[in-house]
Every structure is written in C-alpha cells, then in structure tokens.
Amino acid sequence: MALDVIGAGMGRTGTFSLKLALEHLGFGPCHHMADVNANPEQKVLWRAAGQGQLPNWDVAYAVYRSAVDWPTAHFWREVSDHYPDAKVVLTVRDPEAWYNSVAQTIGLAMDAGSNDPQSFGVAVVGNGVFGGRFNDRDQAIAVYEAHNAAVRATLPSERLLTYQVSEGWESLCAFLGVQLATEPFPRTNSTAEFRARIGR
C-alpha cells in the first residue's frame, strides 16, 4: 500500500486532529508518533532510522495510507520523494503558540534526563532537530520556521497544502479531491489532554 497523504508538519501543529480527519476521509490508517510509542517493532525501526539506517519505506508504512507527525515530519523529503504521487499537508500554527504547546507536552519527553535517551523523541527530535537546545525559545522557533520554509520552498504548490486545523474541512477536502465532510472536524489532543494522558 502506498501513502496517499504525507504530513510534513511538526508535532503540536494539530497533527493528531489531522490524523483523525484523514482517517474519516478514507485515508486511513494514518501513521502517527502514537503508533510508534505503542508498537515495539515500530520503535526499533524508527530508532534505527534516526541513526541513519533508513528503512524500506514500503515496509515502514506497509499498512498505512497516510502519515503525519513525527517521525514522518523529520523524513518528509525522503518519504515525499519515495511516494511522488502523494499529496503533502504542512500543518502550521502561530510559532509562539506552537512553542508553548511543545514545551508543556512533548518537550517534557525530549530531555534526555527525563526519558529514554535513545528514543526518537530524545535522540532525533530533541538532540538532532533542536540541537539539544529546545529550551532556547528563539532558537527553537527559528528551527520550526526554517522547517516550514524548507517544505514550502521544495514542494510544488499543486502538491502542497499549508494548513491550519482551525480551517476545518473545506480546504483539506478540496486539496485532497474528496467530498466535503459534514460531521464536525475532529479537535483533539489539547495540551490538557496530552498532559493527562502521560500523567503530568
């Protein structure tokens, strides 16, 4: 099964809501970091990928029709090259709001002193993407904005949707060429929900 939709947006940009939306629209199952955390085989595969041992993408996404959030967002170039017919959705939000959300949620797991230092979140996102300096707000926001700029500069406009989940169904359905959904757009995984789930 080839991916039809690739999410290039970093975590805490509405990726879990997008996952549920894509699954509702028929692009499921949708891969998300939650799948990695829940599956020992996925953990092994993505840890190795983070160390440079890139997987066979068709094996990594064997049962999925779409993929969002980390780790896909880190490998958006490789994955979008491998699936040239897939459309790409770049989820974005206000940089300050994004930083505050990450700091209160997944940022807690990017500190090597508070989690498994070999996890994808620590080794790749915390130490790799953010250079071990996520607590430096200005630097972290600069990394976030550079990531978004690189996606926009690389992919042609007909293949890329820059999207805020607050927009709801209309622009997403139009971009994907599917009928407009009538049920309420899924809005989930707020900071409070995330912190309750991990017991913080």
Protein backbone atom coordinates (compact mmCIF):
# COMPACT_ATOMS: atom_id res chain seq x y z
CA MET A 1 0.00 0.00 0.00
CA ALA A 2 1.45 3.39 -1.00
CA LEU A 3 0.95 6.55 1.01
CA ASP A 4 -1.61 8.94 -0.46
CA VAL A 5 -1.05 11.76 2.04
CA ILE A 6 2.13 12.80 3.85
CA GLY A 7 2.11 15.20 6.79
CA ALA A 8 5.20 17.40 6.89
CA GLY A 9 4.15 19.48 9.91
CA MET A 10 6.00 19.19 13.20
CA GLY A 11 4.30 17.76 16.26
CA ARG A 12 1.86 20.02 18.13
CA THR A 13 0.55 21.65 14.95
CA GLY A 14 -2.73 19.75 15.02
CA THR A 15 -1.30 16.51 13.71
CA PHE A 16 -3.50 14.20 15.80
CA SER A 17 -6.62 16.04 14.68
CA LEU A 18 -5.37 15.75 11.09
CA LYS A 19 -4.79 12.01 11.61
CA LEU A 20 -8.42 11.54 12.65
CA ALA A 21 -9.64 13.76 9.81
CA LEU A 22 -7.69 11.80 7.20
CA GLU A 23 -8.99 8.52 8.55
CA HIS A 24 -12.55 9.86 8.39
CA LEU A 25 -11.98 10.86 4.76
CA GLY A 26 -10.83 7.36 3.83
CA PHE A 27 -7.06 7.87 4.00
CA GLY A 28 -6.55 5.54 6.94
CA PRO A 29 -4.95 4.01 8.76
CA CYS A 30 -2.83 7.11 9.36
CA HIS A 31 0.63 6.71 10.90
CA HIS A 32 1.46 8.98 13.86
CA MET A 33 4.04 9.05 16.64
CA ALA A 34 1.39 7.39 18.81
CA ASP A 35 1.76 4.30 16.61
CA VAL A 36 5.50 4.26 17.25
CA ASN A 37 5.07 4.58 21.00
CA ALA A 38 2.53 1.74 21.05
CA ASN A 39 4.45 -0.75 18.91
CA PRO A 40 7.84 -2.24 19.86
CA GLU A 41 8.64 -3.10 16.23
CA GLN A 42 7.92 0.48 15.18
CA LYS A 43 10.18 1.75 17.95
CA VAL A 44 13.06 -0.38 16.72
CA LEU A 45 12.53 0.64 13.09
CA TRP A 46 12.35 4.39 13.74
CA ARG A 47 15.22 4.42 16.24
CA ALA A 48 17.37 2.82 13.57
CA ALA A 49 16.12 5.38 11.03
CA GLY A 50 17.09 8.14 13.39
CA GLN A 51 20.63 6.72 13.46
CA GLY A 52 20.84 6.80 9.68
CA GLN A 53 19.62 3.29 8.89
CA LEU A 54 16.72 4.35 6.71
CA PRO A 55 14.05 1.71 6.32
CA ASN A 56 12.38 0.36 3.24
CA TRP A 57 9.58 2.92 3.23
CA ASP A 58 7.08 0.44 1.80
CA VAL A 59 7.77 -1.80 4.80
CA ALA A 60 7.71 1.05 7.32
CA TYR A 61 4.30 2.22 6.08
CA ALA A 62 3.03 -1.19 4.95
CA VAL A 63 -0.47 -0.92 6.44
CA TYR A 64 -0.90 2.85 6.18
CA ARG A 65 -2.46 5.15 3.58
CA SER A 66 -1.27 8.36 5.21
CA ALA A 67 1.30 9.51 7.75
CA VAL A 68 1.56 12.63 9.92
CA ASP A 69 3.53 13.96 12.91
CA TRP A 70 6.95 12.66 13.92
CA PRO A 71 8.78 10.65 12.72
CA THR A 72 7.37 11.28 9.22
CA ALA A 73 7.80 15.04 9.57
CA HIS A 74 11.54 14.51 10.05
CA PHE A 75 11.82 12.40 6.89
CA TRP A 76 9.40 14.40 4.75
CA ARG A 77 11.94 14.82 1.94
CA GLU A 78 12.76 11.13 1.65
CA VAL A 79 9.17 9.99 2.04
CA SER A 80 7.74 12.51 -0.43
CA ASP A 81 10.44 11.52 -2.93
CA HIS A 82 9.58 7.84 -2.49
CA TYR A 83 5.85 8.48 -2.95
CA PRO A 84 5.84 11.11 -5.72
CA ASP A 85 2.08 10.88 -6.24
CA ALA A 86 1.27 11.54 -2.59
CA LYS A 87 -0.02 14.93 -1.58
CA VAL A 88 1.69 16.73 1.28
CA VAL A 89 -0.03 18.65 4.08
CA LEU A 90 2.11 21.07 6.09
CA THR A 91 0.26 21.75 9.33
CA VAL A 92 1.24 25.07 10.89
CA ARG A 93 0.23 27.30 13.78
CA ASP A 94 1.39 30.54 15.36
CA PRO A 95 5.06 29.98 16.30
CA GLU A 96 4.69 31.27 19.86
CA ALA A 97 1.61 29.11 20.47
CA TRP A 98 3.42 26.15 18.93
CA TYR A 99 6.43 26.61 21.21
CA ASN A 100 4.28 26.93 24.33
CA SER A 101 2.38 23.78 23.42
CA VAL A 102 5.53 21.74 22.77
CA ALA A 103 7.17 22.99 25.97
CA GLN A 104 4.20 21.75 28.02
CA THR A 105 3.84 18.39 26.24
CA ILE A 106 6.36 16.57 24.04
CA GLY A 107 9.12 18.91 25.20
CA LEU A 108 8.93 17.14 28.55
CA ALA A 109 9.99 13.93 26.80
CA MET A 110 12.82 15.49 24.78
CA ASP A 111 15.01 15.99 27.83
CA ALA A 112 17.48 13.11 27.88
CA GLY A 113 17.47 13.26 31.67
CA SER A 114 13.75 12.53 31.90
CA ASN A 115 13.28 9.84 29.26
CA ASP A 116 14.96 7.08 27.30
CA PRO A 117 17.95 8.85 25.69
CA GLN A 118 17.78 6.50 22.68
CA SER A 119 14.13 7.25 21.94
CA PHE A 120 13.27 9.02 18.69
CA GLY A 121 11.92 11.97 20.66
CA VAL A 122 15.16 12.50 22.56
CA ALA A 123 17.85 11.32 20.14
CA VAL A 124 16.39 12.70 16.92
CA VAL A 125 13.89 15.43 17.75
CA GLY A 126 15.37 16.86 20.93
CA ASN A 127 19.08 16.42 20.24
CA GLY A 128 19.01 16.33 16.45
CA VAL A 129 16.33 18.67 15.17
CA PHE A 130 16.63 21.15 18.05
CA GLY A 131 20.30 20.55 18.79
CA GLY A 132 19.60 19.83 22.45
CA ARG A 133 18.53 23.46 22.87
CA PHE A 134 14.75 23.34 22.79
CA ASN A 135 14.66 25.41 25.99
CA ASP A 136 16.10 28.30 23.97
CA ARG A 137 12.76 29.65 22.75
CA ASP A 138 14.14 31.85 19.97
CA GLN A 139 16.36 29.10 18.61
CA ALA A 140 13.56 26.52 18.70
CA ILE A 141 11.14 28.83 16.91
CA ALA A 142 13.81 29.57 14.30
CA VAL A 143 14.18 25.81 13.69
CA TYR A 144 10.40 25.45 13.40
CA GLU A 145 10.11 28.30 10.93
CA ALA A 146 13.08 27.07 8.89
CA HIS A 147 11.47 23.63 8.64
CA ASN A 148 8.22 25.10 7.34
CA ALA A 149 10.08 27.35 4.90
CA ALA A 150 12.06 24.40 3.54
CA VAL A 151 8.90 22.38 2.89
CA ARG A 152 7.28 25.31 1.08
CA ALA A 153 10.41 26.01 -0.98
CA THR A 154 10.88 22.38 -2.01
CA LEU A 155 7.44 21.13 -3.00
CA PRO A 156 5.36 22.49 -5.88
CA SER A 157 2.22 24.35 -4.91
CA GLU A 158 -0.08 21.84 -6.61
CA ARG A 159 1.30 19.11 -4.36
CA LEU A 160 1.41 21.03 -1.07
CA LEU A 161 -1.27 22.37 1.25
CA THR A 162 -0.13 24.68 4.05
CA TYR A 163 -2.91 24.11 6.55
CA GLN A 164 -4.14 25.12 9.98
CA VAL A 165 -6.56 22.64 11.51
CA SER A 166 -8.70 25.59 12.62
CA GLU A 167 -9.67 25.89 8.93
CA GLY A 168 -11.72 22.71 9.24
CA TRP A 169 -12.77 20.52 6.36
CA GLU A 170 -13.15 22.80 3.36
CA SER A 171 -9.58 23.47 2.25
CA LEU A 172 -8.44 19.96 3.22
CA CYS A 173 -11.21 18.20 1.28
CA ALA A 174 -10.72 20.47 -1.73
CA PHE A 175 -6.99 19.77 -1.78
CA LEU A 176 -7.47 16.02 -1.49
CA GLY A 177 -10.24 15.98 -4.08
CA VAL A 178 -12.83 14.36 -1.83
CA GLN A 179 -16.39 15.22 -0.91
CA LEU A 180 -16.79 17.81 1.85
CA ALA A 181 -17.33 16.07 5.18
CA THR A 182 -20.47 17.01 7.10
CA GLU A 183 -19.58 15.90 10.62
CA PRO A 184 -17.69 18.26 12.96
CA PHE A 185 -13.95 18.42 12.30
CA PRO A 186 -12.06 16.41 14.94
CA ARG A 187 -10.31 18.58 17.51
CA THR A 188 -8.33 16.57 20.00
CA ASN A 189 -5.04 16.13 21.86
CA SER A 190 -5.06 19.53 23.51
CA THR A 191 -2.27 20.35 25.95
CA ALA A 192 -4.51 19.37 28.85
CA GLU A 193 -5.47 16.07 27.19
CA PHE A 194 -1.86 15.26 26.39
CA ARG A 195 -0.65 16.00 29.92
CA ALA A 196 -3.48 13.94 31.43
CA ARG A 197 -2.57 11.01 29.19
CA ILE A 198 1.09 10.99 30.26
CA GLY A 199 0.28 11.72 33.88
CA ARG A 200 1.86 15.17 34.05
